[in-house]
Amino acid sequence: MSLDMTQCTQCGLALFPARYFCPRCGGSDWTRCAVHSGTVMESTVVRHRAGEHDAPPIHLATVQLDEGPTIIARLNAPVGDGTAVRLEVGDDRCIVAHAL
């Protein structure tokens, strides 16, 4: 499943997640755009989760999308800052980043 964001038809501002009104121009007309890639700005590892004693670590990253917005995504493998990634929505509806 691909990841979609919205873009204001009046001023072109790209946003994720979607909003009712554009914070830049106040417009309310949007087009949907597929998000394909971005760059890892920073990453971290969550080693312990409440209520899940034997759960494996989760690698997370702040990703600057090529289209502009910044999101938090789950990494399918550890990567360094500055790594280009491809994005998708996983079976569990999490945003997953794969190194290119």
PDB file of N, CA and C in Angstrom:
ATOM      1  N   MET A   1       0.851  -1.170   0.000  1.00  0.00           N
ATOM      2  CA  MET A   1       0.000   0.000   0.000  1.00  0.00           C
ATOM      3  C   MET A   1       0.900   1.237   0.000  1.00  0.00           C
ATOM      4  N   SER A   2       0.557   2.205  -0.810  1.00  0.00           N
ATOM      5  CA  SER A   2       1.377   3.414  -0.882  1.00  0.00           C
ATOM      6  C   SER A   2       0.931   4.430   0.169  1.00  0.00           C
ATOM      7  N   LEU A   3       1.825   5.335   0.475  1.00  0.00           N
ATOM      8  CA  LEU A   3       1.567   6.410   1.433  1.00  0.00           C
ATOM      9  C   LEU A   3       1.141   7.640   0.645  1.00  0.00           C
ATOM     10  N   ASP A   4       0.022   8.243   1.038  1.00  0.00           N
ATOM     11  CA  ASP A   4      -0.475   9.441   0.361  1.00  0.00           C
ATOM     12  C   ASP A   4      -0.403  10.641   1.287  1.00  0.00           C
ATOM     13  N   MET A   5      -0.189  11.806   0.697  1.00  0.00           N
ATOM     14  CA  MET A   5      -0.274  13.069   1.420  1.00  0.00           C
ATOM     15  C   MET A   5      -1.151  13.992   0.591  1.00  0.00           C
ATOM     16  N   THR A   6      -1.440  15.168   1.122  1.00  0.00           N
ATOM     17  CA  THR A   6      -2.270  16.119   0.398  1.00  0.00           C
ATOM     18  C   THR A   6      -1.457  17.353   0.035  1.00  0.00           C
ATOM     19  N   GLN A   7      -1.866  17.988  -1.075  1.00  0.00           N
ATOM     20  CA  GLN A   7      -1.206  19.208  -1.529  1.00  0.00           C
ATOM     21  C   GLN A   7      -2.286  20.241  -1.827  1.00  0.00           C
ATOM     22  N   CYS A   8      -2.103  21.441  -1.280  1.00  0.00           N
ATOM     23  CA  CYS A   8      -3.058  22.531  -1.479  1.00  0.00           C
ATOM     24  C   CYS A   8      -3.071  22.929  -2.953  1.00  0.00           C
ATOM     25  N   THR A   9      -4.265  23.008  -3.540  1.00  0.00           N
ATOM     26  CA  THR A   9      -4.352  23.379  -4.951  1.00  0.00           C
ATOM     27  C   THR A   9      -4.129  24.876  -5.174  1.00  0.00           C
ATOM     28  N   GLN A  10      -4.245  25.692  -4.109  1.00  0.00           N
ATOM     29  CA  GLN A  10      -4.053  27.137  -4.259  1.00  0.00           C
ATOM     30  C   GLN A  10      -2.586  27.548  -4.176  1.00  0.00           C
ATOM     31  N   CYS A  11      -1.865  27.039  -3.158  1.00  0.00           N
ATOM     32  CA  CYS A  11      -0.482  27.507  -2.969  1.00  0.00           C
ATOM     33  C   CYS A  11       0.562  26.404  -3.145  1.00  0.00           C
ATOM     34  N   GLY A  12       0.119  25.137  -3.243  1.00  0.00           N
ATOM     35  CA  GLY A  12       1.054  24.042  -3.480  1.00  0.00           C
ATOM     36  C   GLY A  12       1.694  23.446  -2.242  1.00  0.00           C
ATOM     37  N   LEU A  13       1.331  23.904  -1.039  1.00  0.00           N
ATOM     38  CA  LEU A  13       1.918  23.371   0.186  1.00  0.00           C
ATOM     39  C   LEU A  13       1.544  21.903   0.351  1.00  0.00           C
ATOM     40  N   ALA A  14       2.553  21.047   0.575  1.00  0.00           N
ATOM     41  CA  ALA A  14       2.324  19.622   0.797  1.00  0.00           C
ATOM     42  C   ALA A  14       2.260  19.355   2.295  1.00  0.00           C
ATOM     43  N   LEU A  15       1.268  18.555   2.724  1.00  0.00           N
ATOM     44  CA  LEU A  15       1.073  18.277   4.149  1.00  0.00           C
ATOM     45  C   LEU A  15       0.819  16.800   4.407  1.00  0.00           C
ATOM     46  N   PHE A  16       1.307  16.337   5.538  1.00  0.00           N
ATOM     47  CA  PHE A  16       0.990  15.007   6.043  1.00  0.00           C
ATOM     48  C   PHE A  16       0.978  15.095   7.549  1.00  0.00           C
ATOM     49  N   PRO A  17      -0.087  14.691   8.201  1.00  0.00           N
ATOM     50  CA  PRO A  17      -1.326  14.160   7.639  1.00  0.00           C
ATOM     51  C   PRO A  17      -2.189  15.270   7.044  1.00  0.00           C
ATOM     52  N   ALA A  18      -3.298  14.855   6.446  1.00  0.00           N
ATOM     53  CA  ALA A  18      -4.202  15.805   5.790  1.00  0.00           C
ATOM     54  C   ALA A  18      -4.801  16.782   6.802  1.00  0.00           C
ATOM     55  N   ARG A  19      -5.156  17.954   6.331  1.00  0.00           N
ATOM     56  CA  ARG A  19      -5.784  18.992   7.162  1.00  0.00           C
ATOM     57  C   ARG A  19      -7.048  19.484   6.453  1.00  0.00           C
ATOM     58  N   TYR A  20      -7.891  20.163   7.200  1.00  0.00           N
ATOM     59  CA  TYR A  20      -9.099  20.734   6.603  1.00  0.00           C
ATOM     60  C   TYR A  20      -8.792  22.016   5.845  1.00  0.00           C
ATOM     61  N   PHE A  21      -7.894  22.847   6.411  1.00  0.00           N
ATOM     62  CA  PHE A  21      -7.553  24.120   5.789  1.00  0.00           C
ATOM     63  C   PHE A  21      -6.043  24.248   5.697  1.00  0.00           C
ATOM     64  N   CYS A  22      -5.568  24.883   4.655  1.00  0.00           N
ATOM     65  CA  CYS A  22      -4.138  25.092   4.457  1.00  0.00           C
ATOM     66  C   CYS A  22      -3.639  26.145   5.448  1.00  0.00           C
ATOM     67  N   PRO A  23      -2.598  25.840   6.227  1.00  0.00           N
ATOM     68  CA  PRO A  23      -2.087  26.823   7.179  1.00  0.00           C
ATOM     69  C   PRO A  23      -1.366  27.988   6.508  1.00  0.00           C
ATOM     70  N   ARG A  24      -0.989  27.836   5.241  1.00  0.00           N
ATOM     71  CA  ARG A  24      -0.291  28.912   4.535  1.00  0.00           C
ATOM     72  C   ARG A  24      -1.259  29.909   3.913  1.00  0.00           C
ATOM     73  N   CYS A  25      -2.272  29.408   3.183  1.00  0.00           N
ATOM     74  CA  CYS A  25      -3.138  30.330   2.435  1.00  0.00           C
ATOM     75  C   CYS A  25      -4.609  30.263   2.845  1.00  0.00           C
ATOM     76  N   GLY A  26      -4.980  29.301   3.691  1.00  0.00           N
ATOM     77  CA  GLY A  26      -6.368  29.169   4.111  1.00  0.00           C
ATOM     78  C   GLY A  26      -7.238  28.385   3.148  1.00  0.00           C
ATOM     79  N   GLY A  27      -6.650  27.889   2.064  1.00  0.00           N
ATOM     80  CA  GLY A  27      -7.407  27.120   1.078  1.00  0.00           C
ATOM     81  C   GLY A  27      -7.955  25.828   1.655  1.00  0.00           C
ATOM     82  N   SER A  28      -8.995  25.306   1.002  1.00  0.00           N
ATOM     83  CA  SER A  28      -9.598  24.059   1.474  1.00  0.00           C
ATOM     84  C   SER A  28      -9.734  23.018   0.368  1.00  0.00           C
ATOM     85  N   ASP A  29      -9.119  23.263  -0.776  1.00  0.00           N
ATOM     86  CA  ASP A  29      -9.135  22.294  -1.871  1.00  0.00           C
ATOM     87  C   ASP A  29      -7.790  21.590  -1.923  1.00  0.00           C
ATOM     88  N   TRP A  30      -7.830  20.259  -1.957  1.00  0.00           N
ATOM     89  CA  TRP A  30      -6.612  19.457  -1.876  1.00  0.00           C
ATOM     90  C   TRP A  30      -6.550  18.438  -3.001  1.00  0.00           C
ATOM     91  N   THR A  31      -5.359  18.070  -3.389  1.00  0.00           N
ATOM     92  CA  THR A  31      -5.147  16.926  -4.269  1.00  0.00           C
ATOM     93  C   THR A  31      -4.323  15.912  -3.492  1.00  0.00           C
ATOM     94  N   ARG A  32      -4.552  14.647  -3.783  1.00  0.00           N
ATOM     95  CA  ARG A  32      -3.777  13.584  -3.133  1.00  0.00           C
ATOM     96  C   ARG A  32      -2.554  13.282  -3.984  1.00  0.00           C
ATOM     97  N   CYS A  33      -1.425  13.093  -3.309  1.00  0.00           N
ATOM     98  CA  CYS A  33      -0.165  12.780  -3.982  1.00  0.00           C
ATOM     99  C   CYS A  33       0.451  11.567  -3.303  1.00  0.00           C
ATOM    100  N   ALA A  34       0.986  10.659  -4.081  1.00  0.00           N
ATOM    101  CA  ALA A  34       1.686   9.506  -3.513  1.00  0.00           C
ATOM    102  C   ALA A  34       3.067   9.940  -3.042  1.00  0.00           C
ATOM    103  N   VAL A  35       3.464   9.443  -1.879  1.00  0.00           N
ATOM    104  CA  VAL A  35       4.794   9.710  -1.328  1.00  0.00           C
ATOM    105  C   VAL A  35       5.632   8.468  -1.580  1.00  0.00           C
ATOM    106  N   HIS A  36       6.789   8.651  -2.192  1.00  0.00           N
ATOM    107  CA  HIS A  36       7.610   7.494  -2.543  1.00  0.00           C
ATOM    108  C   HIS A  36       8.919   7.413  -1.774  1.00  0.00           C
ATOM    109  N   SER A  37       9.525   8.555  -1.463  1.00  0.00           N
ATOM    110  CA  SER A  37      10.864   8.490  -0.869  1.00  0.00           C
ATOM    111  C   SER A  37      11.161   9.711  -0.012  1.00  0.00           C
ATOM    112  N   GLY A  38      12.260   9.591   0.734  1.00  0.00           N
ATOM    113  CA  GLY A  38      12.711  10.666   1.599  1.00  0.00           C
ATOM    114  C   GLY A  38      14.110  10.377   2.091  1.00  0.00           C
ATOM    115  N   THR A  39      14.555  11.156   3.077  1.00  0.00           N
ATOM    116  CA  THR A  39      15.898  11.024   3.637  1.00  0.00           C
ATOM    117  C   THR A  39      15.808  10.952   5.154  1.00  0.00           C
ATOM    118  N   VAL A  40      16.527   9.985   5.746  1.00  0.00           N
ATOM    119  CA  VAL A  40      16.546   9.843   7.197  1.00  0.00           C
ATOM    120  C   VAL A  40      17.306  11.019   7.793  1.00  0.00           C
ATOM    121  N   MET A  41      16.648  11.753   8.694  1.00  0.00           N
ATOM    122  CA  MET A  41      17.296  12.873   9.373  1.00  0.00           C
ATOM    123  C   MET A  41      17.964  12.399  10.655  1.00  0.00           C
ATOM    124  N   GLU A  42      17.288  11.511  11.379  1.00  0.00           N
ATOM    125  CA  GLU A  42      17.833  10.920  12.603  1.00  0.00           C
ATOM    126  C   GLU A  42      17.051   9.648  12.890  1.00  0.00           C
ATOM    127  N   SER A  43      17.652   8.756  13.682  1.00  0.00           N
ATOM    128  CA  SER A  43      16.977   7.503  14.006  1.00  0.00           C
ATOM    129  C   SER A  43      17.244   7.122  15.456  1.00  0.00           C
ATOM    130  N   THR A  44      16.412   6.211  15.952  1.00  0.00           N
ATOM    131  CA  THR A  44      16.551   5.722  17.321  1.00  0.00           C
ATOM    132  C   THR A  44      16.037   4.293  17.383  1.00  0.00           C
ATOM    133  N   VAL A  45      16.304   3.625  18.497  1.00  0.00           N
ATOM    134  CA  VAL A  45      15.835   2.256  18.706  1.00  0.00           C
ATOM    135  C   VAL A  45      15.017   2.213  19.992  1.00  0.00           C
ATOM    136  N   VAL A  46      13.806   1.670  19.904  1.00  0.00           N
ATOM    137  CA  VAL A  46      12.974   1.446  21.083  1.00  0.00           C
ATOM    138  C   VAL A  46      13.202  -0.005  21.492  1.00  0.00           C
ATOM    139  N   ARG A  47      13.888  -0.198  22.613  1.00  0.00           N
ATOM    140  CA  ARG A  47      14.265  -1.549  23.047  1.00  0.00           C
ATOM    141  C   ARG A  47      13.261  -2.171  24.013  1.00  0.00           C
ATOM    142  N   HIS A  48      12.545  -1.367  24.765  1.00  0.00           N
ATOM    143  CA  HIS A  48      11.594  -1.878  25.753  1.00  0.00           C
ATOM    144  C   HIS A  48      10.253  -1.192  25.550  1.00  0.00           C
ATOM    145  N   ARG A  49       9.207  -2.004  25.437  1.00  0.00           N
ATOM    146  CA  ARG A  49       7.858  -1.473  25.276  1.00  0.00           C
ATOM    147  C   ARG A  49       6.994  -1.944  26.432  1.00  0.00           C
ATOM    148  N   ALA A  50       6.193  -1.065  26.956  1.00  0.00           N
ATOM    149  CA  ALA A  50       5.328  -1.393  28.097  1.00  0.00           C
ATOM    150  C   ALA A  50       4.418  -2.569  27.754  1.00  0.00           C
ATOM    151  N   GLY A  51       4.410  -3.569  28.624  1.00  0.00           N
ATOM    152  CA  GLY A  51       3.534  -4.714  28.442  1.00  0.00           C
ATOM    153  C   GLY A  51       4.024  -5.759  27.466  1.00  0.00           C
ATOM    154  N   GLU A  52       5.165  -5.556  26.838  1.00  0.00           N
ATOM    155  CA  GLU A  52       5.701  -6.508  25.861  1.00  0.00           C
ATOM    156  C   GLU A  52       7.137  -6.836  26.245  1.00  0.00           C
ATOM    157  N   HIS A  53       7.298  -7.799  27.140  1.00  0.00           N
ATOM    158  CA  HIS A  53       8.611  -8.097  27.707  1.00  0.00           C
ATOM    159  C   HIS A  53       9.582  -8.731  26.718  1.00  0.00           C
ATOM    160  N   ASP A  54       9.094  -9.545  25.798  1.00  0.00           N
ATOM    161  CA  ASP A  54       9.980 -10.246  24.865  1.00  0.00           C
ATOM    162  C   ASP A  54       9.907  -9.685  23.450  1.00  0.00           C
ATOM    163  N   ALA A  55       9.373  -8.504  23.287  1.00  0.00           N
ATOM    164  CA  ALA A  55       9.228  -7.917  21.952  1.00  0.00           C
ATOM    165  C   ALA A  55      10.588  -7.498  21.400  1.00  0.00           C
ATOM    166  N   PRO A  56      10.799  -7.685  20.100  1.00  0.00           N
ATOM    167  CA  PRO A  56      12.064  -7.256  19.494  1.00  0.00           C
ATOM    168  C   PRO A  56      12.150  -5.729  19.442  1.00  0.00           C
ATOM    169  N   PRO A  57      13.352  -5.185  19.329  1.00  0.00           N
ATOM    170  CA  PRO A  57      13.503  -3.728  19.226  1.00  0.00           C
ATOM    171  C   PRO A  57      12.829  -3.184  17.959  1.00  0.00           C
ATOM    172  N   ILE A  58      12.385  -1.942  18.042  1.00  0.00           N
ATOM    173  CA  ILE A  58      11.807  -1.257  16.883  1.00  0.00           C
ATOM    174  C   ILE A  58      12.732  -0.104  16.517  1.00  0.00           C
ATOM    175  N   HIS A  59      13.118  -0.038  15.258  1.00  0.00           N
ATOM    176  CA  HIS A  59      13.953   1.051  14.751  1.00  0.00           C
ATOM    177  C   HIS A  59      13.026   2.102  14.148  1.00  0.00           C
ATOM    178  N   LEU A  60      13.149   3.343  14.624  1.00  0.00           N
ATOM    179  CA  LEU A  60      12.323   4.452  14.149  1.00  0.00           C
ATOM    180  C   LEU A  60      13.207   5.547  13.582  1.00  0.00           C
ATOM    181  N   ALA A  61      12.649   6.323  12.646  1.00  0.00           N
ATOM    182  CA  ALA A  61      13.415   7.416  12.051  1.00  0.00           C
ATOM    183  C   ALA A  61      12.523   8.613  11.777  1.00  0.00           C
ATOM    184  N   THR A  62      13.118   9.783  11.887  1.00  0.00           N
ATOM    185  CA  THR A  62      12.504  11.003  11.385  1.00  0.00           C
ATOM    186  C   THR A  62      12.922  11.100   9.926  1.00  0.00           C
ATOM    187  N   VAL A  63      11.947  11.148   9.021  1.00  0.00           N
ATOM    188  CA  VAL A  63      12.223  11.140   7.583  1.00  0.00           C
ATOM    189  C   VAL A  63      11.730  12.437   6.961  1.00  0.00           C
ATOM    190  N   GLN A  64      12.619  13.136   6.278  1.00  0.00           N
ATOM    191  CA  GLN A  64      12.254  14.324   5.502  1.00  0.00           C
ATOM    192  C   GLN A  64      11.805  13.834   4.134  1.00  0.00           C
ATOM    193  N   LEU A  65      10.523  13.991   3.818  1.00  0.00           N
ATOM    194  CA  LEU A  65      10.000  13.537   2.537  1.00  0.00           C
ATOM    195  C   LEU A  65      10.537  14.401   1.409  1.00  0.00           C
ATOM    196  N   ASP A  66      10.712  13.807   0.242  1.00  0.00           N
ATOM    197  CA  ASP A  66      11.167  14.574  -0.921  1.00  0.00           C
ATOM    198  C   ASP A  66      10.176  15.682  -1.260  1.00  0.00           C
ATOM    199  N   GLU A  67       8.909  15.480  -0.912  1.00  0.00           N
ATOM    200  CA  GLU A  67       7.863  16.462  -1.196  1.00  0.00           C
ATOM    201  C   GLU A  67       7.794  17.580  -0.161  1.00  0.00           C
ATOM    202  N   GLY A  68       8.535  17.459   0.945  1.00  0.00           N
ATOM    203  CA  GLY A  68       8.576  18.540   1.926  1.00  0.00           C
ATOM    204  C   GLY A  68       8.325  18.178   3.371  1.00  0.00           C
ATOM    205  N   PRO A  69       7.168  17.560   3.702  1.00  0.00           N
ATOM    206  CA  PRO A  69       6.868  17.293   5.109  1.00  0.00           C
ATOM    207  C   PRO A  69       7.858  16.329   5.773  1.00  0.00           C
ATOM    208  N   THR A  70       7.855  16.327   7.098  1.00  0.00           N
ATOM    209  CA  THR A  70       8.669  15.414   7.895  1.00  0.00           C
ATOM    210  C   THR A  70       7.736  14.459   8.627  1.00  0.00           C
ATOM    211  N   ILE A  71       8.079  13.161   8.630  1.00  0.00           N
ATOM    212  CA  ILE A  71       7.258  12.150   9.290  1.00  0.00           C
ATOM    213  C   ILE A  71       8.133  11.251  10.157  1.00  0.00           C
ATOM    214  N   ILE A  72       7.489  10.463  11.007  1.00  0.00           N
ATOM    215  CA  ILE A  72       8.155   9.409  11.764  1.00  0.00           C
ATOM    216  C   ILE A  72       7.793   8.092  11.084  1.00  0.00           C
ATOM    217  N   ALA A  73       8.787   7.255  10.797  1.00  0.00           N
ATOM    218  CA  ALA A  73       8.552   5.974  10.131  1.00  0.00           C
ATOM    219  C   ALA A  73       9.312   4.867  10.841  1.00  0.00           C
ATOM    220  N   ARG A  74       8.805   3.668  10.721  1.00  0.00           N
ATOM    221  CA  ARG A  74       9.507   2.486  11.226  1.00  0.00           C
ATOM    222  C   ARG A  74      10.522   2.058  10.161  1.00  0.00           C
ATOM    223  N   LEU A  75      11.735   1.757  10.581  1.00  0.00           N
ATOM    224  CA  LEU A  75      12.768   1.283   9.661  1.00  0.00           C
ATOM    225  C   LEU A  75      12.731  -0.239   9.606  1.00  0.00           C
ATOM    226  N   ASN A  76      12.882  -0.808   8.409  1.00  0.00           N
ATOM    227  CA  ASN A  76      12.908  -2.263   8.325  1.00  0.00           C
ATOM    228  C   ASN A  76      14.279  -2.813   8.714  1.00  0.00           C
ATOM    229  N   ALA A  77      15.292  -1.949   8.779  1.00  0.00           N
ATOM    230  CA  ALA A  77      16.647  -2.318   9.210  1.00  0.00           C
ATOM    231  C   ALA A  77      17.346  -1.035   9.651  1.00  0.00           C
ATOM    232  N   PRO A  78      18.323  -1.128  10.558  1.00  0.00           N
ATOM    233  CA  PRO A  78      19.033   0.083  10.993  1.00  0.00           C
ATOM    234  C   PRO A  78      19.746   0.760   9.816  1.00  0.00           C
ATOM    235  N   VAL A  79      19.667   2.084   9.760  1.00  0.00           N
ATOM    236  CA  VAL A  79      20.365   2.871   8.734  1.00  0.00           C
ATOM    237  C   VAL A  79      20.936   4.120   9.391  1.00  0.00           C
ATOM    238  N   GLY A  80      21.876   4.750   8.731  1.00  0.00           N
ATOM    239  CA  GLY A  80      22.480   5.969   9.242  1.00  0.00           C
ATOM    240  C   GLY A  80      21.744   7.212   8.793  1.00  0.00           C
ATOM    241  N   ASP A  81      22.023   8.310   9.475  1.00  0.00           N
ATOM    242  CA  ASP A  81      21.460   9.601   9.089  1.00  0.00           C
ATOM    243  C   ASP A  81      21.894   9.930   7.667  1.00  0.00           C
ATOM    244  N   GLY A  82      21.004  10.542   6.903  1.00  0.00           N
ATOM    245  CA  GLY A  82      21.308  10.903   5.528  1.00  0.00           C
ATOM    246  C   GLY A  82      21.004   9.815   4.514  1.00  0.00           C
ATOM    247  N   THR A  83      20.543   8.648   4.968  1.00  0.00           N
ATOM    248  CA  THR A  83      20.230   7.542   4.065  1.00  0.00           C
ATOM    249  C   THR A  83      18.932   7.819   3.314  1.00  0.00           C
ATOM    250  N   ALA A  84      18.942   7.601   2.009  1.00  0.00           N
ATOM    251  CA  ALA A  84      17.725   7.715   1.205  1.00  0.00           C
ATOM    252  C   ALA A  84      16.866   6.480   1.453  1.00  0.00           C
ATOM    253  N   VAL A  85      15.555   6.677   1.603  1.00  0.00           N
ATOM    254  CA  VAL A  85      14.645   5.571   1.884  1.00  0.00           C
ATOM    255  C   VAL A  85      13.421   5.625   0.981  1.00  0.00           C
ATOM    256  N   ARG A  86      12.853   4.445   0.744  1.00  0.00           N
ATOM    257  CA  ARG A  86      11.586   4.281   0.033  1.00  0.00           C
ATOM    258  C   ARG A  86      10.529   4.026   1.098  1.00  0.00           C
ATOM    259  N   LEU A  87       9.352   4.604   0.947  1.00  0.00           N
ATOM    260  CA  LEU A  87       8.303   4.511   1.969  1.00  0.00           C
ATOM    261  C   LEU A  87       7.100   3.727   1.477  1.00  0.00           C
ATOM    262  N   GLU A  88       6.485   3.005   2.415  1.00  0.00           N
ATOM    263  CA  GLU A  88       5.246   2.297   2.122  1.00  0.00           C
ATOM    264  C   GLU A  88       4.461   2.147   3.418  1.00  0.00           C
ATOM    265  N   VAL A  89       3.194   1.780   3.288  1.00  0.00           N
ATOM    266  CA  VAL A  89       2.375   1.476   4.453  1.00  0.00           C
ATOM    267  C   VAL A  89       2.364  -0.040   4.589  1.00  0.00           C
ATOM    268  N   GLY A  90       2.820  -0.544   5.749  1.00  0.00           N
ATOM    269  CA  GLY A  90       2.910  -1.982   5.978  1.00  0.00           C
ATOM    270  C   GLY A  90       1.556  -2.614   6.247  1.00  0.00           C
ATOM    271  N   ASP A  91       1.557  -3.947   6.365  1.00  0.00           N
ATOM    272  CA  ASP A  91       0.324  -4.691   6.624  1.00  0.00           C
ATOM    273  C   ASP A  91      -0.339  -4.272   7.932  1.00  0.00           C
ATOM    274  N   ASP A  92       0.474  -3.832   8.902  1.00  0.00           N
ATOM    275  CA  ASP A  92      -0.069  -3.396  10.195  1.00  0.00           C
ATOM    276  C   ASP A  92      -0.403  -1.907  10.209  1.00  0.00           C
ATOM    277  N   ARG A  93      -0.413  -1.277   9.016  1.00  0.00           N
ATOM    278  CA  ARG A  93      -0.747   0.137   8.804  1.00  0.00           C
ATOM    279  C   ARG A  93       0.287   1.106   9.364  1.00  0.00           C
ATOM    280  N   CYS A  94       1.486   0.625   9.632  1.00  0.00           N
ATOM    281  CA  CYS A  94       2.598   1.494  10.036  1.00  0.00           C
ATOM    282  C   CYS A  94       3.319   1.980   8.785  1.00  0.00           C
ATOM    283  N   ILE A  95       3.861   3.181   8.849  1.00  0.00           N
ATOM    284  CA  ILE A  95       4.686   3.683   7.751  1.00  0.00           C
ATOM    285  C   ILE A  95       6.059   3.045   7.903  1.00  0.00           C
ATOM    286  N   VAL A  96       6.517   2.361   6.854  1.00  0.00           N
ATOM    287  CA  VAL A  96       7.782   1.630   6.892  1.00  0.00           C
ATOM    288  C   VAL A  96       8.735   2.232   5.870  1.00  0.00           C
ATOM    289  N   ALA A  97       9.987   2.442   6.291  1.00  0.00           N
ATOM    290  CA  ALA A  97      11.030   2.985   5.414  1.00  0.00           C
ATOM    291  C   ALA A  97      12.040   1.888   5.102  1.00  0.00           C
ATOM    292  N   HIS A  98      12.378   1.756   3.818  1.00  0.00           N
ATOM    293  CA  HIS A  98      13.357   0.781   3.346  1.00  0.00           C
ATOM    294  C   HIS A  98      14.515   1.543   2.709  1.00  0.00           C
ATOM    295  N   ALA A  99      15.739   1.225   3.101  1.00  0.00           N
ATOM    296  CA  ALA A  99      16.911   1.903   2.530  1.00  0.00           C
ATOM    297  C   ALA A  99      16.977   1.649   1.030  1.00  0.00           C
ATOM    298  N   LEU A 100      17.359   2.673   0.284  1.00  0.00           N
ATOM    299  CA  LEU A 100      17.533   2.528  -1.174  1.00  0.00           C
ATOM    300  C   LEU A 100      18.943   2.088  -1.495  1.00  0.00           C
TER     301      LEU A 100
END
